[in-house]
């Protein structure tokens, strides 16, 4: 039997909780991502626990050892136990009685194999007890070793239980799979992709964002396009294509950029404000995500020959993040042309210099305020605002060098306005 030794498993809080839930005739094991990632030598973040105790008993035992509990999904057997600020999702062993592709009616039980077989992928149905002994009832360890992402049992049945598993199939493949995706999974995803239309926008975007955050999502996106799944989720990408994703990932690695799901989304959709506004509405992106996407779409195309002064002036009045997003994607395109286009290397150097300016830019403080102009006869209103804007333009175009007195000397008067 496989055994693991991990620092997170030795945590006193976790050990105390597992001991409490395993007392008497009961059993409790950590399940899912924590076990999978430990076996794959990946970082562990969330720790979930499966137990034979019923939800009410889970609460009683956890509170008996001084831990706080929250009945986050008690109808489905899930209780969140909080120990020193760290949450553990504890779920009673269960089987699905009835599903409609979005929701499931479950019955609680004590059968570990039945609990494993109701899960999505073999690599997610691994359990480990407090001593580190791994329980593998569906062949998950072998699939980890082969880099295979495989549905448990019949792929179509798993997807019919929850249509989101189509996107999860490609997301987990992007993170953990090697080679070609499992053929049964691909066929099932292709046949049942219409199930995605019945899912909430929040669930779709959450999975898509996680997929785009993978170290290299390019192969997953390619297979999503081949199966029609990408068009079902992101129809905007259909004619724009995903060719920029692979060079973007390579450029990220070469330049030390952190994977950025939103930048990767920008790489596969057209910079059309109307279409991206519709995308943001359809997938219910967070306001910050929507604003960044639309600012990118409205940002002028990158000019490698733009002077530093002109760029800084534009940044002062514009959106620094949008300029950076445009520059990064332009760099990716031109980086891919090095060796094929004689001018590419020079353009890459220029774009790199422009990017450095953007990243270092901090908007200076304008030396004047409304009170300064009131002394020249302006009163609060449109004319004062217009004059301040004119002087800001003059100041920015001059490299932000003019001081307060010089700007006042350039100021007009209310009578001239």
Protein backbone atom coordinates (compact mmCIF):
# COMPACT_ATOMS: atom_id res chain seq x y z
CA UNK A 1 0.00 0.00 0.00
CA UNK A 2 1.21 3.49 -0.83
CA UNK A 3 2.09 5.70 2.10
CA UNK A 4 2.74 9.44 2.10
CA UNK A 5 4.53 11.69 4.54
CA UNK A 6 3.65 15.36 4.30
CA UNK A 7 4.01 18.31 6.60
CA UNK A 8 0.35 19.28 6.20
CA UNK A 9 -0.75 15.80 7.32
CA UNK A 10 1.23 16.11 10.56
CA UNK A 11 -0.52 19.36 11.52
CA UNK A 12 -1.79 18.99 15.09
CA UNK A 13 -5.16 20.57 14.30
CA UNK A 14 -5.79 18.17 11.43
CA UNK A 15 -4.61 15.16 13.41
CA UNK A 16 -6.94 16.08 16.29
CA UNK A 17 -9.89 16.44 13.93
CA UNK A 18 -9.19 13.13 12.18
CA UNK A 19 -8.86 11.40 15.56
CA UNK A 20 -12.17 12.84 16.78
CA UNK A 21 -13.99 11.81 13.61
CA UNK A 22 -12.44 8.33 13.66
CA UNK A 23 -13.25 7.46 17.26
CA UNK A 24 -15.32 4.37 17.93
CA UNK A 25 -16.58 2.62 14.81
CA UNK A 26 -16.22 5.68 12.59
CA UNK A 27 -13.56 6.50 10.00
CA UNK A 28 -12.24 9.74 8.53
CA UNK A 29 -9.70 10.35 5.77
CA UNK A 30 -8.38 13.31 3.83
CA UNK A 31 -9.64 13.08 0.25
CA UNK A 32 -9.04 14.60 -3.16
CA UNK A 33 -6.67 17.39 -4.13
CA UNK A 34 -4.43 17.31 -1.07
CA UNK A 35 -3.66 13.62 -1.63
CA UNK A 36 -3.33 14.00 -5.40
CA UNK A 37 -1.00 17.00 -5.18
CA UNK A 38 1.18 15.37 -2.53
CA UNK A 39 1.67 12.31 -4.73
CA UNK A 40 2.49 14.63 -7.66
CA UNK A 41 4.79 16.78 -5.52
CA UNK A 42 2.60 19.85 -6.09
CA UNK A 43 1.65 22.49 -3.50
CA UNK A 44 -1.32 21.70 -1.25
CA UNK A 45 -3.82 24.42 -0.40
CA UNK A 46 -7.27 23.13 0.50
CA UNK A 47 -7.72 20.05 2.70
CA UNK A 48 -11.02 18.15 2.45
CA UNK A 49 -12.07 15.28 4.67
CA UNK A 50 -14.43 12.36 4.02
CA UNK A 51 -16.01 10.67 7.03
CA UNK A 52 -18.52 8.01 7.97
CA UNK A 53 -20.00 10.30 10.65
CA UNK A 54 -23.33 11.89 9.77
CA UNK A 55 -23.29 15.72 9.55
CA UNK A 56 -24.85 16.26 12.98
CA UNK A 57 -22.31 13.89 14.55
CA UNK A 58 -19.49 15.63 12.68
CA UNK A 59 -20.59 18.91 14.26
CA UNK A 60 -20.89 17.36 17.72
CA UNK A 61 -17.44 15.75 17.61
CA UNK A 62 -15.69 18.81 16.18
CA UNK A 63 -17.23 21.16 18.72
CA UNK A 64 -16.39 18.71 21.53
CA UNK A 65 -12.69 19.31 20.84
CA UNK A 66 -13.18 23.08 20.74
CA UNK A 67 -13.48 23.67 16.99
CA UNK A 68 -15.97 25.96 15.30
CA UNK A 69 -18.36 24.50 12.70
CA UNK A 70 -20.40 26.01 9.88
CA UNK A 71 -23.12 23.92 8.12
CA UNK A 72 -22.08 25.13 4.66
CA UNK A 73 -23.70 22.28 2.71
CA UNK A 74 -25.34 20.15 5.32
CA UNK A 75 -28.06 18.83 2.96
CA UNK A 76 -25.26 17.24 0.96
CA UNK A 77 -23.36 16.18 4.06
CA UNK A 78 -20.79 18.98 4.16
CA UNK A 79 -19.76 20.81 7.30
CA UNK A 80 -16.90 23.31 7.39
CA UNK A 81 -14.77 22.87 10.49
CA UNK A 82 -12.53 25.81 11.40
CA UNK A 83 -9.37 25.25 13.43
CA UNK A 84 -7.25 28.31 14.25
CA UNK A 85 -8.70 30.11 11.23
CA UNK A 86 -8.08 27.24 8.82
CA UNK A 87 -11.18 25.72 7.21
CA UNK A 88 -11.58 21.99 6.58
CA UNK A 89 -14.53 20.81 4.50
CA UNK A 90 -15.80 17.61 6.09
CA UNK A 91 -18.29 15.57 4.06
CA UNK A 92 -20.14 12.38 4.97
CA UNK A 93 -19.63 9.43 2.62
CA UNK A 94 -22.46 9.44 0.11
CA UNK A 95 -23.84 8.21 -3.16
CA UNK A 96 -25.93 10.08 -5.74
CA UNK A 97 -29.55 8.96 -5.79
CA UNK A 98 -30.80 11.36 -8.46
CA UNK A 99 -29.10 14.00 -10.65
CA UNK A 100 -30.28 16.45 -13.31
CA UNK A 101 -26.91 17.59 -14.62
CA UNK A 102 -26.68 20.47 -12.13
CA UNK A 103 -27.94 19.27 -8.74
CA UNK A 104 -27.88 15.91 -7.00
CA UNK A 105 -30.00 14.18 -4.38
CA UNK A 106 -27.67 12.13 -2.19
CA UNK A 107 -27.92 9.41 0.43
CA UNK A 108 -25.33 9.02 3.17
CA UNK A 109 -23.49 5.77 3.71
CA UNK A 110 -20.39 4.03 5.02
CA UNK A 111 -19.08 2.51 1.79
CA UNK A 112 -15.75 4.03 0.75
CA UNK A 113 -15.85 2.45 -2.70
CA UNK A 114 -19.34 3.83 -3.39
CA UNK A 115 -18.12 7.26 -2.30
CA UNK A 116 -15.10 7.01 -4.58
CA UNK A 117 -17.17 5.88 -7.57
CA UNK A 118 -19.47 8.91 -7.40
CA UNK A 119 -16.53 11.31 -7.86
CA UNK A 120 -15.38 12.71 -11.20
CA UNK A 121 -11.80 11.59 -11.96
CA UNK A 122 -9.66 8.77 -10.65
CA UNK A 123 -6.90 11.13 -9.50
CA UNK A 124 -9.44 13.01 -7.35
CA UNK A 125 -10.76 9.90 -5.57
CA UNK A 126 -7.74 9.13 -3.40
CA UNK A 127 -7.98 9.00 0.39
CA UNK A 128 -5.32 9.10 3.10
CA UNK A 129 -5.72 8.35 6.80
CA UNK A 130 -3.99 10.06 9.71
CA UNK A 131 -1.06 7.61 9.48
CA UNK A 132 -0.45 8.42 5.80
CA UNK A 133 -1.85 5.19 4.32
CA UNK A 134 -3.38 5.92 0.90
CA UNK A 135 -6.64 4.25 -0.08
CA UNK A 136 -7.00 3.95 -3.86
CA UNK A 137 -10.19 2.19 -4.99
CA UNK A 138 -10.38 3.37 -8.63
CA UNK A 139 -6.83 3.27 -9.99
CA UNK A 140 -5.93 6.89 -9.33
CA UNK A 141 -2.29 6.26 -8.42
CA UNK A 142 -1.60 4.45 -11.69
CA UNK A 143 -3.22 7.31 -13.63
CA UNK A 144 -1.07 9.85 -11.80
CA UNK A 145 2.04 7.89 -12.74
CA UNK A 146 0.94 7.76 -16.41
CA UNK A 147 -0.22 11.40 -16.53
CA UNK A 148 -3.72 10.27 -17.50
CA UNK A 149 -6.88 12.13 -16.58
CA UNK A 150 -9.70 9.61 -16.64
CA UNK A 151 -13.34 9.70 -15.61
CA UNK A 152 -14.38 7.15 -13.02
CA UNK A 153 -16.61 4.57 -14.71
CA UNK A 154 -18.60 5.68 -17.75
CA UNK A 155 -17.55 9.16 -18.92
CA UNK A 156 -20.96 10.05 -20.34
CA UNK A 157 -22.72 9.07 -17.13
CA UNK A 158 -20.33 11.22 -15.08
CA UNK A 159 -21.03 14.22 -17.35
CA UNK A 160 -24.80 13.67 -17.30
CA UNK A 161 -24.59 13.85 -13.50
CA UNK A 162 -22.98 17.30 -13.75
CA UNK A 163 -22.36 19.06 -17.07
CA UNK A 164 -19.60 21.16 -15.51
CA UNK A 165 -17.44 18.05 -15.57
CA UNK A 166 -16.83 18.75 -19.26
CA UNK A 167 -14.89 21.88 -18.36
CA UNK A 168 -13.33 20.19 -15.35
CA UNK A 169 -12.05 17.47 -17.69
CA UNK A 170 -10.11 20.03 -19.72
CA UNK A 171 -9.10 22.06 -16.68
CA UNK A 172 -7.61 19.08 -14.85
CA UNK A 173 -5.98 17.90 -18.07
CA UNK A 174 -4.32 21.33 -18.39
CA UNK A 175 -2.95 21.04 -14.86
CA UNK A 176 -2.17 17.33 -14.53
CA UNK A 177 -2.43 15.52 -17.87
CA UNK A 178 0.27 14.49 -20.30
CA UNK A 179 0.08 13.59 -23.98
CA UNK A 180 -3.36 13.22 -25.51
CA UNK A 181 -6.53 13.47 -23.39
CA UNK A 182 -8.41 10.28 -22.59
CA UNK A 183 -10.37 9.21 -25.70
CA UNK A 184 -13.54 8.27 -23.81
CA UNK A 185 -13.52 11.63 -22.08
CA UNK A 186 -13.07 13.49 -25.36
CA UNK A 187 -15.93 11.61 -27.02
CA UNK A 188 -18.24 12.21 -24.08
CA UNK A 189 -17.36 15.92 -23.92
CA UNK A 190 -18.02 16.28 -27.65
CA UNK A 191 -21.39 14.52 -27.54
CA UNK A 192 -22.66 16.26 -24.43
CA UNK A 193 -21.23 19.78 -24.80
CA UNK A 194 -24.75 21.24 -25.03
CA UNK A 195 -25.00 20.52 -21.29
CA UNK A 196 -22.79 23.57 -20.78
CA UNK A 197 -25.66 25.85 -21.86
CA UNK A 198 -27.66 24.77 -18.81
CA UNK A 199 -25.01 25.77 -16.29
CA UNK A 200 -24.74 29.04 -14.42
CA UNK A 201 -22.41 31.69 -15.78
CA UNK A 202 -20.53 31.84 -12.48
CA UNK A 203 -19.65 28.13 -12.61
CA UNK A 204 -18.57 28.35 -16.25
CA UNK A 205 -16.28 31.34 -15.72
CA UNK A 206 -14.85 29.93 -12.48
CA UNK A 207 -13.75 26.76 -14.27
CA UNK A 208 -12.52 28.67 -17.33
CA UNK A 209 -10.46 31.02 -15.17
CA UNK A 210 -8.86 28.07 -13.36
CA UNK A 211 -8.08 26.42 -16.69
CA UNK A 212 -6.46 29.60 -18.02
CA UNK A 213 -4.36 29.79 -14.85
CA UNK A 214 -2.68 26.43 -15.55
CA UNK A 215 1.08 26.53 -16.20
CA UNK A 216 0.41 25.74 -19.88
CA UNK A 217 -3.24 25.57 -20.98
CA UNK A 218 -2.43 25.51 -24.71
CA UNK A 219 -2.98 21.77 -25.27
CA UNK A 220 -6.23 21.79 -23.31
CA UNK A 221 -7.49 24.78 -25.31
CA UNK A 222 -6.54 23.03 -28.55
CA UNK A 223 -8.63 19.99 -27.64
CA UNK A 224 -11.47 22.21 -26.45
CA UNK A 225 -11.47 23.84 -29.87
CA UNK A 226 -11.37 20.47 -31.64
CA UNK A 227 -14.36 19.19 -29.68
CA UNK A 228 -16.39 22.41 -30.00
CA UNK A 229 -16.33 22.97 -26.24
CA UNK A 230 -14.32 26.20 -26.53
CA UNK A 231 -16.85 27.68 -28.94
CA UNK A 232 -19.67 26.70 -26.57
CA UNK A 233 -18.03 28.59 -23.71
CA UNK A 234 -16.21 31.37 -25.58
CA UNK A 235 -17.84 31.87 -29.00
CA UNK A 236 -15.77 35.06 -29.36
CA UNK A 237 -12.66 32.89 -29.78
CA UNK A 238 -14.00 30.94 -32.76
CA UNK A 239 -12.68 33.17 -35.55
CA UNK A 240 -9.94 34.85 -33.56
CA UNK A 241 -8.10 31.62 -32.75
CA UNK A 242 -5.86 30.38 -29.96
CA UNK A 243 -2.50 30.50 -31.75
CA UNK A 244 -1.14 33.18 -29.41
CA UNK A 245 -1.52 31.06 -26.28
CA UNK A 246 1.53 28.84 -26.76
CA UNK A 247 3.94 31.71 -27.51
CA UNK A 248 2.41 33.68 -24.63
CA UNK A 249 3.20 30.81 -22.25
CA UNK A 250 6.75 30.62 -23.66
CA UNK A 251 7.22 34.38 -23.26
CA UNK A 252 5.91 34.22 -19.68
CA UNK A 253 8.52 31.58 -18.88
CA UNK A 254 11.31 33.46 -20.63
CA UNK A 255 10.56 36.81 -19.02
CA UNK A 256 9.47 35.62 -15.60
CA UNK A 257 5.85 36.77 -15.95
CA UNK A 258 3.32 35.12 -13.68
CA UNK A 259 0.49 33.24 -15.45
CA UNK A 260 -2.36 35.73 -15.88
CA UNK A 261 -5.74 34.16 -16.76
CA UNK A 262 -7.22 37.45 -17.96
CA UNK A 263 -4.26 38.25 -20.21
CA UNK A 264 -4.54 34.75 -21.64
CA UNK A 265 -8.24 35.37 -22.26
CA UNK A 266 -7.34 38.58 -24.10
CA UNK A 267 -4.99 36.54 -26.29
CA UNK A 268 -7.84 34.38 -27.66
CA UNK A 269 -10.64 36.93 -28.10
CA UNK A 270 -10.89 39.93 -30.46
CA UNK A 271 -10.21 43.37 -28.90
CA UNK A 272 -13.72 44.51 -29.73
CA UNK A 273 -15.36 46.52 -26.90
CA UNK A 274 -18.91 45.50 -27.82
CA UNK A 275 -18.13 41.80 -28.05
CA UNK A 276 -16.07 41.80 -24.87
CA UNK A 277 -18.77 43.70 -23.03
CA UNK A 278 -21.20 40.97 -24.07
CA UNK A 279 -18.71 38.30 -22.97
CA UNK A 280 -18.36 39.96 -19.56
CA UNK A 281 -22.13 40.16 -19.16
CA UNK A 282 -22.73 36.59 -20.31
CA UNK A 283 -20.14 35.04 -18.00
CA UNK A 284 -20.85 37.54 -15.21
CA UNK A 285 -17.24 38.57 -14.77
CA UNK A 286 -16.37 40.54 -11.66
CA UNK A 287 -16.46 44.30 -12.18
CA UNK A 288 -12.66 44.53 -11.95
CA UNK A 289 -12.24 41.81 -14.58
CA UNK A 290 -14.82 43.39 -16.87
CA UNK A 291 -13.25 46.84 -16.57
CA UNK A 292 -9.79 45.53 -17.35
CA UNK A 293 -11.06 43.60 -20.37
CA UNK A 294 -12.90 46.60 -21.78
CA UNK A 295 -9.99 48.96 -21.13
CA UNK A 296 -7.75 46.56 -23.06
CA UNK A 297 -10.19 46.54 -25.97
CA UNK A 298 -10.36 50.34 -26.07
CA UNK A 299 -6.59 50.87 -25.72
CA UNK A 300 -4.91 52.05 -28.96
CA UNK A 301 -2.78 49.52 -30.79
CA UNK A 302 0.83 49.48 -29.63
CA UNK A 303 3.32 51.70 -31.46
CA UNK A 304 6.89 50.44 -30.95
CA UNK A 305 8.31 53.83 -32.05
CA UNK A 306 6.32 55.91 -29.55
CA UNK A 307 8.63 58.16 -27.55
CA UNK A 308 9.00 57.75 -23.81
CA UNK A 309 7.58 61.25 -23.27
CA UNK A 310 4.52 60.58 -25.42
CA UNK A 311 3.96 57.24 -23.70
CA UNK A 312 4.19 58.75 -20.20
CA UNK A 313 1.77 61.50 -21.18
CA UNK A 314 -0.66 58.90 -22.51
CA UNK A 315 -0.31 56.83 -19.34
CA UNK A 316 -1.08 59.86 -17.18
CA UNK A 317 -4.45 60.33 -18.85
CA UNK A 318 -5.14 56.71 -19.73
CA UNK A 319 -5.13 53.22 -18.23
CA UNK A 320 -1.70 51.90 -17.28
CA UNK A 321 -2.88 48.28 -17.00
CA UNK A 322 -4.49 48.38 -20.45
CA UNK A 323 -1.28 49.75 -21.97
CA UNK A 324 0.70 46.99 -20.27
CA UNK A 325 -1.71 44.29 -21.49
CA UNK A 326 -1.46 45.56 -25.08
CA UNK A 327 2.33 45.75 -24.88
CA UNK A 328 2.70 42.24 -23.48
CA UNK A 329 0.59 40.70 -26.23
CA UNK A 330 2.40 42.73 -28.89
CA UNK A 331 5.70 41.48 -27.48
CA UNK A 332 4.47 37.90 -27.71
CA UNK A 333 3.55 38.32 -31.38
CA UNK A 334 6.85 39.93 -32.36
CA UNK A 335 8.88 37.50 -30.24
CA UNK A 336 7.37 34.73 -32.36
CA UNK A 337 8.63 36.43 -35.52
CA UNK A 338 12.28 36.53 -34.44
CA UNK A 339 14.27 34.49 -36.92
CA UNK A 340 11.67 34.95 -39.66
CA UNK A 341 11.40 38.75 -39.88
CA UNK A 342 14.58 40.85 -40.05
CA UNK A 343 12.94 43.70 -38.12
CA UNK A 344 11.50 41.49 -35.39
CA UNK A 345 14.47 41.60 -33.01
CA UNK A 346 14.63 45.39 -33.15
CA UNK A 347 10.87 45.64 -32.60
CA UNK A 348 11.07 43.31 -29.61
CA UNK A 349 13.77 45.53 -28.12
CA UNK A 350 11.62 48.64 -28.63
CA UNK A 351 8.54 47.00 -27.16
CA UNK A 352 10.56 45.78 -24.17
CA UNK A 353 11.74 49.35 -23.55
CA UNK A 354 8.15 50.63 -23.79
CA UNK A 355 7.01 47.94 -21.35
CA UNK A 356 9.72 48.97 -18.87
CA UNK A 357 8.46 52.56 -19.03
CA UNK A 358 4.88 51.44 -18.37
CA UNK A 359 5.81 49.21 -15.46
CA UNK A 360 7.93 51.93 -13.83
CA UNK A 361 5.40 54.72 -14.37
CA UNK A 362 3.91 56.42 -11.33
CA UNK A 363 1.59 59.33 -12.02
CA UNK A 364 3.18 62.53 -10.65
CA UNK A 365 1.10 65.00 -8.69
CA UNK A 366 -0.18 67.98 -10.67
CA UNK A 367 1.27 71.18 -9.09
CA UNK A 368 -1.93 73.26 -9.34
CA UNK A 369 -5.40 73.02 -7.89
CA UNK A 370 -8.70 74.78 -8.36
CA UNK A 371 -7.84 77.38 -5.73
CA UNK A 372 -4.85 78.55 -7.77
CA UNK A 373 -7.09 79.26 -10.75
CA UNK A 374 -9.79 80.93 -8.69
CA UNK A 375 -7.18 83.57 -7.85
CA UNK A 376 -7.02 84.30 -11.57
CA UNK A 377 -10.73 84.91 -11.76
CA UNK A 378 -12.11 81.45 -12.45
CA UNK A 379 -15.19 80.31 -10.61
CA UNK A 380 -16.17 76.70 -9.98
CA UNK A 381 -17.73 75.28 -13.11
CA UNK A 382 -16.99 73.98 -16.60
CA UNK A 383 -14.52 76.73 -17.53
CA UNK A 384 -12.32 76.05 -14.51
CA UNK A 385 -12.37 72.33 -15.24
CA UNK A 386 -11.48 72.89 -18.89
CA UNK A 387 -8.56 75.14 -17.97
CA UNK A 388 -7.16 72.63 -15.48
CA UNK A 389 -7.42 69.94 -18.16
CA UNK A 390 -5.61 72.16 -20.69
CA UNK A 391 -2.82 72.89 -18.24
CA UNK A 392 -2.50 69.21 -17.35
CA UNK A 393 -2.07 68.42 -21.04
CA UNK A 394 0.56 71.12 -21.36
CA UNK A 395 2.35 69.84 -18.26
CA UNK A 396 2.25 66.17 -19.34
CA UNK A 397 3.36 66.91 -22.93
CA UNK A 398 6.32 68.81 -21.48
CA UNK A 399 7.44 65.80 -19.54
CA UNK A 400 5.83 66.88 -16.23
CA UNK A 401 8.66 69.40 -15.75
CA UNK A 402 6.77 72.70 -15.46
CA UNK A 403 6.45 73.92 -11.89
CA UNK A 404 3.58 75.72 -10.19
CA UNK A 405 4.66 79.24 -11.09
CA UNK A 406 5.41 78.31 -14.69
CA UNK A 407 1.99 76.74 -15.06
CA UNK A 408 0.29 79.76 -13.51
CA UNK A 409 2.08 81.94 -16.03
CA UNK A 410 0.62 79.75 -18.79
CA UNK A 411 -2.87 79.91 -17.31
CA UNK A 412 -5.47 82.02 -19.03
CA UNK A 413 -8.07 84.07 -17.24
CA UNK A 414 -11.78 83.76 -16.79
CA UNK A 415 -12.27 86.71 -19.13
CA UNK A 416 -10.26 84.99 -21.87
CA UNK A 417 -12.38 81.88 -21.43
